[in-house]
N, C-alpha and C. Protein backbone atom coordinates (compact mmCIF):
# COMPACT_ATOMS: atom_id res chain seq x y z
N MET A 1 94.92 93.22 240.84
CA MET A 1 96.06 94.06 241.18
C MET A 1 96.98 93.38 242.19
N VAL A 2 96.36 92.72 243.21
CA VAL A 2 97.17 92.02 244.21
C VAL A 2 97.98 90.91 243.57
N ARG A 3 97.31 90.17 242.65
CA ARG A 3 98.01 89.07 241.98
C ARG A 3 99.17 89.61 241.15
N ARG A 4 98.92 90.74 240.44
CA ARG A 4 99.99 91.31 239.63
C ARG A 4 101.16 91.74 240.50
N THR A 5 100.85 92.35 241.65
CA THR A 5 101.91 92.78 242.56
C THR A 5 102.72 91.59 243.06
N ARG A 6 102.03 90.49 243.37
CA ARG A 6 102.72 89.29 243.82
C ARG A 6 103.61 88.74 242.71
N GLU A 7 103.08 88.70 241.49
CA GLU A 7 103.88 88.21 240.37
C GLU A 7 105.11 89.10 240.13
N GLU A 8 104.93 90.41 240.28
CA GLU A 8 106.05 91.32 240.10
C GLU A 8 107.10 91.10 241.19
N ALA A 9 106.64 90.86 242.42
CA ALA A 9 107.57 90.61 243.52
C ALA A 9 108.36 89.33 243.28
N LEU A 10 107.68 88.29 242.80
CA LEU A 10 108.36 87.03 242.52
C LEU A 10 109.37 87.20 241.39
N GLN A 11 109.01 88.01 240.37
CA GLN A 11 109.93 88.25 239.27
C GLN A 11 111.15 89.04 239.73
N THR A 12 110.92 90.03 240.61
CA THR A 12 112.03 90.79 241.15
C THR A 12 112.96 89.90 241.95
N ARG A 13 112.37 89.01 242.76
CA ARG A 13 113.17 88.07 243.54
C ARG A 13 114.02 87.19 242.63
N ALA A 14 113.41 86.71 241.54
CA ALA A 14 114.14 85.86 240.59
C ALA A 14 115.27 86.66 239.94
N ASN A 15 115.01 87.92 239.61
CA ASN A 15 116.05 88.75 239.00
C ASN A 15 117.21 88.97 239.97
N ILE A 16 116.89 89.15 241.26
CA ILE A 16 117.94 89.32 242.27
C ILE A 16 118.80 88.07 242.36
N LEU A 17 118.16 86.91 242.36
CA LEU A 17 118.93 85.67 242.44
C LEU A 17 119.82 85.49 241.21
N ASP A 18 119.29 85.86 240.03
CA ASP A 18 120.12 85.79 238.82
C ASP A 18 121.33 86.72 238.95
N ALA A 19 121.09 87.92 239.48
CA ALA A 19 122.18 88.87 239.65
C ALA A 19 123.20 88.35 240.67
N ALA A 20 122.71 87.82 241.79
CA ALA A 20 123.61 87.29 242.81
C ALA A 20 124.46 86.15 242.25
N GLU A 21 123.83 85.28 241.49
CA GLU A 21 124.55 84.16 240.88
C GLU A 21 125.67 84.68 239.99
N CYS A 22 125.36 85.68 239.16
CA CYS A 22 126.37 86.23 238.24
C CYS A 22 127.52 86.89 238.99
N VAL A 23 127.19 87.73 239.99
CA VAL A 23 128.24 88.47 240.69
C VAL A 23 129.06 87.55 241.58
N PHE A 24 128.41 86.60 242.29
CA PHE A 24 129.16 85.64 243.09
C PHE A 24 130.11 84.84 242.20
N TYR A 25 129.64 84.47 241.02
CA TYR A 25 130.46 83.67 240.10
C TYR A 25 131.67 84.47 239.63
N GLU A 26 131.46 85.77 239.35
CA GLU A 26 132.53 86.61 238.83
C GLU A 26 133.53 87.01 239.93
N LYS A 27 133.04 87.34 241.11
CA LYS A 27 133.89 87.95 242.14
C LYS A 27 134.16 87.06 243.34
N GLY A 28 133.39 85.97 243.48
CA GLY A 28 133.49 85.17 244.70
C GLY A 28 132.57 85.74 245.76
N LEU A 29 132.29 84.95 246.77
CA LEU A 29 131.32 85.36 247.78
C LEU A 29 131.87 86.46 248.69
N ALA A 30 133.09 86.29 249.18
CA ALA A 30 133.62 87.19 250.20
C ALA A 30 133.76 88.62 249.70
N THR A 31 134.13 88.80 248.43
CA THR A 31 134.38 90.14 247.91
C THR A 31 133.16 90.78 247.25
N THR A 32 132.04 90.09 247.23
CA THR A 32 130.81 90.64 246.68
C THR A 32 130.02 91.34 247.78
N SER A 33 129.56 92.55 247.50
CA SER A 33 128.74 93.28 248.46
C SER A 33 127.27 93.25 248.01
N MET A 34 126.39 93.54 248.94
CA MET A 34 124.98 93.64 248.59
C MET A 34 124.76 94.76 247.57
N LEU A 35 125.57 95.82 247.65
CA LEU A 35 125.47 96.91 246.67
C LEU A 35 125.82 96.41 245.28
N ASP A 36 126.86 95.57 245.17
CA ASP A 36 127.22 94.99 243.87
C ASP A 36 126.02 94.27 243.25
N ILE A 37 125.33 93.50 244.07
CA ILE A 37 124.19 92.71 243.58
C ILE A 37 123.04 93.64 243.19
N ALA A 38 122.78 94.63 244.02
CA ALA A 38 121.70 95.59 243.70
C ALA A 38 121.97 96.29 242.39
N GLN A 39 123.21 96.74 242.19
CA GLN A 39 123.55 97.43 240.95
C GLN A 39 123.42 96.52 239.75
N HIS A 40 123.84 95.28 239.89
CA HIS A 40 123.74 94.33 238.78
C HIS A 40 122.28 94.05 238.44
N ALA A 41 121.43 94.04 239.45
CA ALA A 41 120.01 93.78 239.23
C ALA A 41 119.25 95.04 238.81
N GLY A 42 119.90 96.20 238.85
CA GLY A 42 119.24 97.44 238.51
C GLY A 42 118.24 97.89 239.56
N LEU A 43 118.56 97.62 240.83
CA LEU A 43 117.67 97.95 241.94
C LEU A 43 118.37 98.84 242.95
N SER A 44 117.57 99.51 243.78
CA SER A 44 118.13 100.22 244.91
C SER A 44 118.49 99.20 246.00
N ARG A 45 119.35 99.61 246.92
CA ARG A 45 119.68 98.71 248.03
C ARG A 45 118.44 98.41 248.86
N GLY A 46 117.56 99.40 249.01
CA GLY A 46 116.33 99.19 249.78
C GLY A 46 115.47 98.11 249.17
N ALA A 47 115.35 98.11 247.84
CA ALA A 47 114.55 97.08 247.16
C ALA A 47 115.18 95.71 247.34
N LEU A 48 116.51 95.67 247.29
CA LEU A 48 117.20 94.39 247.50
C LEU A 48 116.97 93.87 248.91
N TYR A 49 117.14 94.74 249.90
CA TYR A 49 116.99 94.32 251.30
C TYR A 49 115.55 93.97 251.64
N TRP A 50 114.60 94.44 250.87
CA TRP A 50 113.20 94.05 251.10
C TRP A 50 113.01 92.56 250.84
N HIS A 51 113.79 92.02 249.89
CA HIS A 51 113.69 90.60 249.54
C HIS A 51 114.69 89.74 250.31
N PHE A 52 115.90 90.25 250.52
CA PHE A 52 116.96 89.48 251.19
C PHE A 52 117.70 90.40 252.14
N LYS A 53 117.81 89.99 253.40
CA LYS A 53 118.43 90.87 254.39
C LYS A 53 119.96 90.81 254.37
N ASP A 54 120.53 89.75 253.78
CA ASP A 54 121.99 89.63 253.73
C ASP A 54 122.40 88.59 252.70
N LYS A 55 123.72 88.43 252.55
CA LYS A 55 124.24 87.46 251.58
C LYS A 55 123.88 86.03 251.99
N ALA A 56 123.80 85.78 253.29
CA ALA A 56 123.45 84.44 253.75
C ALA A 56 122.08 84.03 253.20
N GLY A 57 121.14 84.97 253.18
CA GLY A 57 119.81 84.66 252.64
C GLY A 57 119.86 84.37 251.15
N LEU A 58 120.71 85.09 250.44
CA LEU A 58 120.86 84.84 249.00
C LEU A 58 121.48 83.47 248.75
N VAL A 59 122.51 83.15 249.53
CA VAL A 59 123.16 81.84 249.37
C VAL A 59 122.17 80.72 249.68
N GLN A 60 121.36 80.90 250.73
CA GLN A 60 120.38 79.87 251.08
C GLN A 60 119.39 79.66 249.95
N ALA A 61 118.97 80.76 249.30
CA ALA A 61 118.05 80.63 248.17
C ALA A 61 118.69 79.88 247.01
N LEU A 62 119.98 80.11 246.78
CA LEU A 62 120.67 79.37 245.73
C LEU A 62 120.78 77.89 246.10
N LEU A 63 121.06 77.60 247.37
CA LEU A 63 121.09 76.21 247.82
C LEU A 63 119.74 75.54 247.63
N ASP A 64 118.66 76.26 247.98
CA ASP A 64 117.32 75.71 247.83
C ASP A 64 117.01 75.39 246.37
N SER A 65 117.51 76.23 245.46
CA SER A 65 117.24 76.00 244.05
C SER A 65 117.91 74.72 243.56
N LEU A 66 119.03 74.33 244.20
CA LEU A 66 119.68 73.06 243.84
C LEU A 66 118.88 71.88 244.36
N ASP A 67 118.24 72.04 245.52
CA ASP A 67 117.52 70.94 246.13
C ASP A 67 116.16 70.66 245.48
N GLU A 68 115.56 71.68 244.88
CA GLU A 68 114.21 71.52 244.32
C GLU A 68 114.11 70.37 243.32
N PRO A 69 115.01 70.29 242.31
CA PRO A 69 114.89 69.16 241.37
C PRO A 69 115.10 67.80 242.02
N ILE A 70 115.94 67.74 243.07
CA ILE A 70 116.14 66.47 243.77
C ILE A 70 114.86 66.05 244.49
N HIS A 71 114.20 67.01 245.13
CA HIS A 71 112.94 66.71 245.79
C HIS A 71 111.90 66.21 244.78
N ARG A 72 111.88 66.83 243.60
CA ARG A 72 110.92 66.41 242.56
C ARG A 72 111.24 65.00 242.10
N LEU A 73 112.54 64.71 241.93
CA LEU A 73 112.93 63.36 241.50
C LEU A 73 112.53 62.32 242.53
N LEU A 74 112.76 62.61 243.80
CA LEU A 74 112.39 61.67 244.86
C LEU A 74 110.89 61.45 244.92
N ALA A 75 110.12 62.52 244.72
CA ALA A 75 108.66 62.40 244.73
C ALA A 75 108.19 61.56 243.55
N ALA A 76 108.81 61.81 242.38
CA ALA A 76 108.41 61.06 241.19
C ALA A 76 108.81 59.60 241.29
N SER A 77 109.84 59.30 242.09
CA SER A 77 110.34 57.93 242.22
C SER A 77 109.78 57.22 243.46
N ALA A 78 108.73 57.77 244.06
CA ALA A 78 108.23 57.21 245.31
C ALA A 78 107.84 55.74 245.16
N GLU A 79 107.15 55.39 244.07
CA GLU A 79 106.73 54.00 243.89
C GLU A 79 107.94 53.09 243.69
N LEU A 80 108.92 53.55 242.89
CA LEU A 80 110.13 52.77 242.68
C LEU A 80 110.89 52.63 243.99
N ARG A 81 110.89 53.68 244.82
CA ARG A 81 111.62 53.63 246.08
C ARG A 81 111.07 52.54 246.99
N ARG A 82 109.74 52.39 247.01
CA ARG A 82 109.16 51.34 247.86
C ARG A 82 109.55 49.95 247.39
N ALA A 83 109.58 49.77 246.07
CA ALA A 83 109.86 48.44 245.51
C ALA A 83 111.36 48.15 245.41
N ASN A 84 112.15 49.19 245.14
CA ASN A 84 113.57 49.00 244.87
C ASN A 84 114.34 50.24 245.29
N PRO A 85 114.58 50.42 246.58
CA PRO A 85 115.21 51.66 247.06
C PRO A 85 116.58 51.93 246.46
N LEU A 86 117.40 50.90 246.23
CA LEU A 86 118.71 51.14 245.66
C LEU A 86 118.63 51.63 244.23
N GLU A 87 117.67 51.13 243.46
CA GLU A 87 117.50 51.61 242.09
C GLU A 87 116.99 53.04 242.09
N CYS A 88 116.12 53.38 243.02
CA CYS A 88 115.66 54.75 243.17
C CYS A 88 116.85 55.67 243.46
N LEU A 89 117.69 55.27 244.40
CA LEU A 89 118.86 56.06 244.76
C LEU A 89 119.79 56.21 243.57
N ARG A 90 120.04 55.12 242.87
CA ARG A 90 120.92 55.17 241.69
C ARG A 90 120.39 56.16 240.67
N SER A 91 119.10 56.10 240.38
CA SER A 91 118.53 56.97 239.35
C SER A 91 118.61 58.44 239.75
N VAL A 92 118.42 58.74 241.03
CA VAL A 92 118.49 60.12 241.50
C VAL A 92 119.92 60.65 241.41
N LEU A 93 120.92 59.83 241.80
CA LEU A 93 122.31 60.27 241.74
C LEU A 93 122.76 60.49 240.30
N VAL A 94 122.36 59.59 239.41
CA VAL A 94 122.69 59.76 237.99
C VAL A 94 122.06 61.03 237.45
N ALA A 95 120.80 61.25 237.79
CA ALA A 95 120.10 62.45 237.31
C ALA A 95 120.76 63.72 237.81
N LEU A 96 121.25 63.70 239.06
CA LEU A 96 121.91 64.88 239.60
C LEU A 96 123.20 65.18 238.83
N LEU A 97 124.02 64.17 238.60
CA LEU A 97 125.26 64.39 237.85
C LEU A 97 124.96 64.86 236.43
N GLN A 98 123.94 64.28 235.81
CA GLN A 98 123.60 64.69 234.45
C GLN A 98 123.04 66.10 234.41
N ARG A 99 122.37 66.51 235.48
CA ARG A 99 121.89 67.89 235.55
C ARG A 99 123.08 68.85 235.66
N VAL A 100 124.04 68.50 236.48
CA VAL A 100 125.24 69.34 236.59
C VAL A 100 125.91 69.46 235.22
N ALA A 101 126.02 68.35 234.51
CA ALA A 101 126.69 68.34 233.21
C ALA A 101 125.94 69.14 232.16
N GLY A 102 124.61 69.17 232.26
CA GLY A 102 123.82 69.74 231.17
C GLY A 102 123.18 71.08 231.44
N ASP A 103 123.26 71.59 232.67
CA ASP A 103 122.57 72.83 233.01
C ASP A 103 123.58 73.87 233.47
N ALA A 104 123.74 74.94 232.70
CA ALA A 104 124.77 75.94 232.99
C ALA A 104 124.53 76.62 234.33
N ARG A 105 123.27 76.88 234.67
CA ARG A 105 122.99 77.56 235.94
C ARG A 105 123.39 76.68 237.13
N THR A 106 123.06 75.40 237.05
CA THR A 106 123.45 74.47 238.11
C THR A 106 124.97 74.41 238.24
N GLN A 107 125.66 74.41 237.11
CA GLN A 107 127.13 74.41 237.14
C GLN A 107 127.66 75.64 237.86
N ARG A 108 127.10 76.80 237.54
CA ARG A 108 127.59 78.04 238.15
C ARG A 108 127.36 78.04 239.67
N ILE A 109 126.19 77.56 240.09
CA ILE A 109 125.90 77.56 241.53
C ILE A 109 126.86 76.62 242.26
N PHE A 110 127.07 75.44 241.71
CA PHE A 110 128.03 74.51 242.33
C PHE A 110 129.44 75.11 242.31
N GLU A 111 129.79 75.79 241.23
CA GLU A 111 131.11 76.43 241.15
C GLU A 111 131.26 77.47 242.25
N ILE A 112 130.22 78.25 242.47
CA ILE A 112 130.24 79.26 243.54
C ILE A 112 130.43 78.58 244.90
N LEU A 113 129.64 77.55 245.15
CA LEU A 113 129.65 76.90 246.46
C LEU A 113 130.95 76.13 246.72
N LEU A 114 131.48 75.49 245.68
CA LEU A 114 132.64 74.62 245.88
C LEU A 114 133.98 75.32 245.66
N HIS A 115 134.00 76.35 244.79
CA HIS A 115 135.28 76.94 244.41
C HIS A 115 135.38 78.45 244.61
N LYS A 116 134.28 79.11 244.88
CA LYS A 116 134.33 80.57 244.95
C LYS A 116 133.78 81.10 246.27
N CYS A 117 133.82 80.30 247.30
CA CYS A 117 133.32 80.72 248.62
C CYS A 117 134.44 80.66 249.63
N GLU A 118 135.09 81.79 249.84
CA GLU A 118 136.14 81.86 250.84
C GLU A 118 135.49 81.85 252.22
N LEU A 119 135.89 80.92 253.08
CA LEU A 119 135.25 80.78 254.40
C LEU A 119 135.89 81.76 255.39
N THR A 120 135.69 83.05 255.11
CA THR A 120 136.19 84.10 255.99
C THR A 120 135.17 84.36 257.08
N VAL A 121 135.51 85.25 258.01
CA VAL A 121 134.57 85.61 259.07
C VAL A 121 133.29 86.15 258.49
N GLU A 122 133.42 86.97 257.43
CA GLU A 122 132.25 87.59 256.82
C GLU A 122 131.30 86.55 256.27
N SER A 123 131.84 85.48 255.72
CA SER A 123 130.97 84.48 255.08
C SER A 123 130.85 83.21 255.90
N CYS A 124 131.09 83.30 257.22
CA CYS A 124 131.09 82.09 258.04
C CYS A 124 129.72 81.41 258.07
N ASP A 125 128.65 82.18 257.82
CA ASP A 125 127.33 81.57 257.78
C ASP A 125 127.26 80.49 256.70
N LEU A 126 128.06 80.63 255.66
CA LEU A 126 128.04 79.65 254.59
C LEU A 126 128.40 78.26 255.11
N ARG A 127 129.38 78.20 256.01
CA ARG A 127 129.76 76.89 256.55
C ARG A 127 128.57 76.24 257.26
N ALA A 128 127.86 77.04 258.06
CA ALA A 128 126.70 76.50 258.77
C ALA A 128 125.61 76.08 257.79
N GLN A 129 125.42 76.88 256.74
CA GLN A 129 124.40 76.54 255.75
C GLN A 129 124.74 75.25 255.01
N ARG A 130 126.00 75.10 254.64
CA ARG A 130 126.39 73.89 253.94
C ARG A 130 126.34 72.67 254.85
N CYS A 131 126.70 72.86 256.12
CA CYS A 131 126.59 71.75 257.06
C CYS A 131 125.14 71.32 257.23
N ALA A 132 124.24 72.31 257.32
CA ALA A 132 122.82 71.99 257.46
C ALA A 132 122.31 71.25 256.23
N ARG A 133 122.76 71.69 255.05
CA ARG A 133 122.35 71.03 253.81
C ARG A 133 122.87 69.59 253.77
N HIS A 134 124.10 69.39 254.20
CA HIS A 134 124.66 68.04 254.23
C HIS A 134 123.91 67.16 255.23
N ARG A 135 123.55 67.72 256.38
CA ARG A 135 122.80 66.92 257.36
C ARG A 135 121.44 66.49 256.79
N GLU A 136 120.80 67.41 256.08
CA GLU A 136 119.51 67.07 255.48
C GLU A 136 119.67 65.99 254.42
N ALA A 137 120.70 66.15 253.57
CA ALA A 137 120.95 65.15 252.53
C ALA A 137 121.29 63.81 253.16
N GLN A 138 122.09 63.84 254.22
CA GLN A 138 122.47 62.59 254.88
C GLN A 138 121.25 61.90 255.46
N GLY A 139 120.35 62.67 256.05
CA GLY A 139 119.14 62.07 256.61
C GLY A 139 118.31 61.36 255.55
N LYS A 140 118.17 62.01 254.39
CA LYS A 140 117.39 61.39 253.30
C LYS A 140 118.08 60.12 252.80
N LEU A 141 119.42 60.20 252.67
CA LEU A 141 120.16 59.02 252.20
C LEU A 141 120.06 57.88 253.21
N GLU A 142 120.19 58.20 254.48
CA GLU A 142 120.09 57.15 255.50
C GLU A 142 118.73 56.47 255.46
N ASP A 143 117.67 57.25 255.23
CA ASP A 143 116.33 56.65 255.14
C ASP A 143 116.25 55.66 253.99
N ILE A 144 116.78 56.06 252.83
CA ILE A 144 116.73 55.17 251.66
C ILE A 144 117.59 53.93 251.90
N LEU A 145 118.77 54.13 252.46
CA LEU A 145 119.66 52.99 252.70
C LEU A 145 119.07 52.05 253.74
N GLN A 146 118.40 52.59 254.75
CA GLN A 146 117.77 51.73 255.75
C GLN A 146 116.64 50.93 255.12
N GLU A 147 115.92 51.54 254.19
CA GLU A 147 114.87 50.81 253.46
C GLU A 147 115.50 49.67 252.65
N ALA A 148 116.70 49.93 252.08
CA ALA A 148 117.39 48.89 251.32
C ALA A 148 117.82 47.74 252.22
N VAL A 149 118.22 48.06 253.44
CA VAL A 149 118.56 47.02 254.42
C VAL A 149 117.31 46.21 254.76
N THR A 150 116.21 46.89 255.00
CA THR A 150 114.97 46.23 255.42
C THR A 150 114.46 45.27 254.35
N CYS A 151 114.59 45.67 253.09
CA CYS A 151 114.07 44.80 252.02
C CYS A 151 115.12 43.83 251.48
N GLY A 152 116.29 43.77 252.13
CA GLY A 152 117.28 42.76 251.79
C GLY A 152 118.23 43.12 250.68
N GLN A 153 118.26 44.38 250.26
CA GLN A 153 119.20 44.78 249.22
C GLN A 153 120.59 45.08 249.77
N LEU A 154 120.65 45.48 251.03
CA LEU A 154 121.93 45.70 251.71
C LEU A 154 122.01 44.80 252.92
N ARG A 155 123.22 44.44 253.30
CA ARG A 155 123.41 43.58 254.45
C ARG A 155 123.02 44.30 255.73
N ARG A 156 122.48 43.57 256.68
CA ARG A 156 122.01 44.18 257.93
C ARG A 156 123.14 44.82 258.72
N ALA A 157 124.36 44.38 258.48
CA ALA A 157 125.50 44.96 259.18
C ALA A 157 126.00 46.26 258.52
N THR A 158 125.35 46.68 257.43
CA THR A 158 125.80 47.88 256.71
C THR A 158 125.73 49.10 257.63
N PRO A 159 126.83 49.84 257.80
CA PRO A 159 126.81 51.07 258.61
C PRO A 159 126.14 52.19 257.81
N VAL A 160 124.84 52.34 257.99
CA VAL A 160 124.05 53.21 257.14
C VAL A 160 124.53 54.67 257.19
N ALA A 161 124.83 55.16 258.38
CA ALA A 161 125.27 56.56 258.51
C ALA A 161 126.59 56.78 257.77
N LEU A 162 127.53 55.85 257.93
CA LEU A 162 128.82 55.97 257.26
C LEU A 162 128.66 55.85 255.75
N ALA A 163 127.78 54.95 255.31
CA ALA A 163 127.54 54.79 253.88
C ALA A 163 126.97 56.07 253.28
N ALA A 164 126.07 56.73 253.99
CA ALA A 164 125.49 57.98 253.51
C ALA A 164 126.56 59.05 253.41
N CYS A 165 127.42 59.15 254.44
CA CYS A 165 128.53 60.12 254.40
C CYS A 165 129.43 59.88 253.20
N SER A 166 129.72 58.62 252.93
CA SER A 166 130.61 58.28 251.82
C SER A 166 130.00 58.67 250.48
N LEU A 167 128.69 58.45 250.33
CA LEU A 167 128.03 58.81 249.08
C LEU A 167 128.06 60.32 248.86
N ILE A 168 127.81 61.08 249.92
CA ILE A 168 127.85 62.54 249.81
C ILE A 168 129.25 63.00 249.42
N ALA A 169 130.27 62.42 250.06
CA ALA A 169 131.65 62.78 249.75
C ALA A 169 131.99 62.45 248.30
N CYS A 170 131.54 61.29 247.84
CA CYS A 170 131.80 60.89 246.44
C CYS A 170 131.12 61.83 245.45
N MET A 171 129.87 62.21 245.74
CA MET A 171 129.15 63.09 244.83
C MET A 171 129.77 64.49 244.83
N ASP A 172 130.04 65.02 246.02
CA ASP A 172 130.66 66.35 246.09
C ASP A 172 132.04 66.35 245.39
N GLY A 173 132.81 65.31 245.63
CA GLY A 173 134.12 65.23 245.02
C GLY A 173 134.05 65.10 243.51
N THR A 174 133.11 64.31 243.02
CA THR A 174 132.95 64.14 241.57
C THR A 174 132.58 65.46 240.92
N ILE A 175 131.63 66.17 241.50
CA ILE A 175 131.18 67.45 240.93
C ILE A 175 132.30 68.47 240.99
N SER A 176 132.97 68.56 242.14
CA SER A 176 134.06 69.52 242.30
C SER A 176 135.19 69.25 241.31
N HIS A 177 135.58 68.00 241.17
CA HIS A 177 136.67 67.63 240.28
C HIS A 177 136.30 67.92 238.84
N TRP A 178 135.08 67.58 238.42
CA TRP A 178 134.66 67.80 237.03
C TRP A 178 134.60 69.29 236.70
N LEU A 179 134.12 70.10 237.64
CA LEU A 179 134.02 71.54 237.38
C LEU A 179 135.38 72.18 237.16
N LEU A 180 136.43 71.62 237.75
CA LEU A 180 137.77 72.15 237.53
C LEU A 180 138.24 71.93 236.10
N SER A 181 137.75 70.86 235.47
CA SER A 181 138.18 70.54 234.11
C SER A 181 137.04 69.82 233.38
N PRO A 182 135.98 70.56 233.02
CA PRO A 182 134.80 69.91 232.43
C PRO A 182 135.05 69.27 231.07
N ASP A 183 136.15 69.62 230.41
CA ASP A 183 136.44 69.00 229.12
C ASP A 183 137.22 67.69 229.26
N SER A 184 137.55 67.32 230.49
CA SER A 184 138.38 66.13 230.68
C SER A 184 137.62 64.83 230.41
N TYR A 185 136.32 64.84 230.62
CA TYR A 185 135.50 63.67 230.28
C TYR A 185 134.04 64.09 230.22
N ALA A 186 133.22 63.25 229.59
CA ALA A 186 131.80 63.57 229.40
C ALA A 186 131.03 63.09 230.62
N LEU A 187 130.78 63.99 231.55
CA LEU A 187 130.12 63.61 232.80
C LEU A 187 128.74 63.02 232.56
N ALA A 188 127.98 63.60 231.64
CA ALA A 188 126.61 63.13 231.41
C ALA A 188 126.58 61.66 230.99
N SER A 189 127.44 61.29 230.05
CA SER A 189 127.43 59.91 229.55
C SER A 189 128.12 58.95 230.52
N GLU A 190 129.07 59.45 231.29
CA GLU A 190 129.79 58.60 232.24
C GLU A 190 129.08 58.47 233.58
N ALA A 191 128.07 59.33 233.83
CA ALA A 191 127.40 59.33 235.13
C ALA A 191 126.88 57.96 235.56
N PRO A 192 126.20 57.19 234.67
CA PRO A 192 125.71 55.87 235.12
C PRO A 192 126.82 54.96 235.61
N ARG A 193 127.95 54.95 234.90
CA ARG A 193 129.06 54.08 235.30
C ARG A 193 129.69 54.57 236.62
N MET A 194 129.81 55.87 236.78
CA MET A 194 130.40 56.41 238.00
C MET A 194 129.51 56.12 239.21
N VAL A 195 128.21 56.30 239.04
CA VAL A 195 127.29 56.01 240.14
C VAL A 195 127.26 54.52 240.44
N ALA A 196 127.37 53.69 239.42
CA ALA A 196 127.42 52.24 239.64
C ALA A 196 128.61 51.88 240.53
N ALA A 197 129.74 52.55 240.33
CA ALA A 197 130.92 52.30 241.18
C ALA A 197 130.65 52.73 242.62
N MET A 198 129.96 53.86 242.78
CA MET A 198 129.62 54.31 244.13
C MET A 198 128.69 53.31 244.81
N MET A 199 127.74 52.77 244.06
CA MET A 199 126.79 51.83 244.64
C MET A 199 127.48 50.53 245.04
N ARG A 200 128.47 50.12 244.27
CA ARG A 200 129.21 48.89 244.64
C ARG A 200 129.95 49.08 245.96
N MET A 201 130.33 50.31 246.26
CA MET A 201 131.00 50.61 247.52
C MET A 201 130.11 50.26 248.71
N LEU A 202 128.78 50.25 248.51
CA LEU A 202 127.85 49.94 249.57
C LEU A 202 127.80 48.46 249.90
N ASP A 203 128.45 47.64 249.06
CA ASP A 203 128.44 46.19 249.25
C ASP A 203 127.03 45.61 249.27
N PRO A 204 126.29 45.84 248.17
CA PRO A 204 124.91 45.33 248.13
C PRO A 204 124.85 43.82 248.08
N VAL A 205 123.73 43.27 248.50
CA VAL A 205 123.51 41.83 248.41
C VAL A 205 123.28 41.48 246.95
N THR A 206 124.01 40.52 246.43
CA THR A 206 123.87 40.16 245.02
C THR A 206 123.04 38.90 244.87
């Protein structure tokens, strides 16, 4: 019975996130209320608040869902990362762009975060959440880039922190630009070439 209750709670949580994703996508973050999400999920407000106390918690859960596949990719590439950190980084960035191109849910979440989040007073927590996510991503990138410097793939004078910032900006910009006009080019097939251009920006040792 306890296990069933836990499974039911997890399913309810997943249903809430699906509802939040749909309503945020349709209405934007600032104009969506917790009541809107509860109604879309077919729940009372009390049931919704039992799982999430506010919109910031829902947004954080959506952010976490974007990070999970990246963490899995990095874990799966651990051996490659030790031997060839730049190739590990390249493969992860390509996989991320191809996931955006091929997964409708990932597209919607990025669309919400990049194009449907008005940074008003009500949603100001989003800025802090996105900054925290960028800091975490930057830390991981700096670690990989420093490993590339150590093993001689990047020049010792490479400004690792600046290089990590540039990669994040390139990836965010690529995703944001493509979402505005997804029919303009085939992101999935072009991802390797686009990431190769980003990697050349790092000035690797040839």
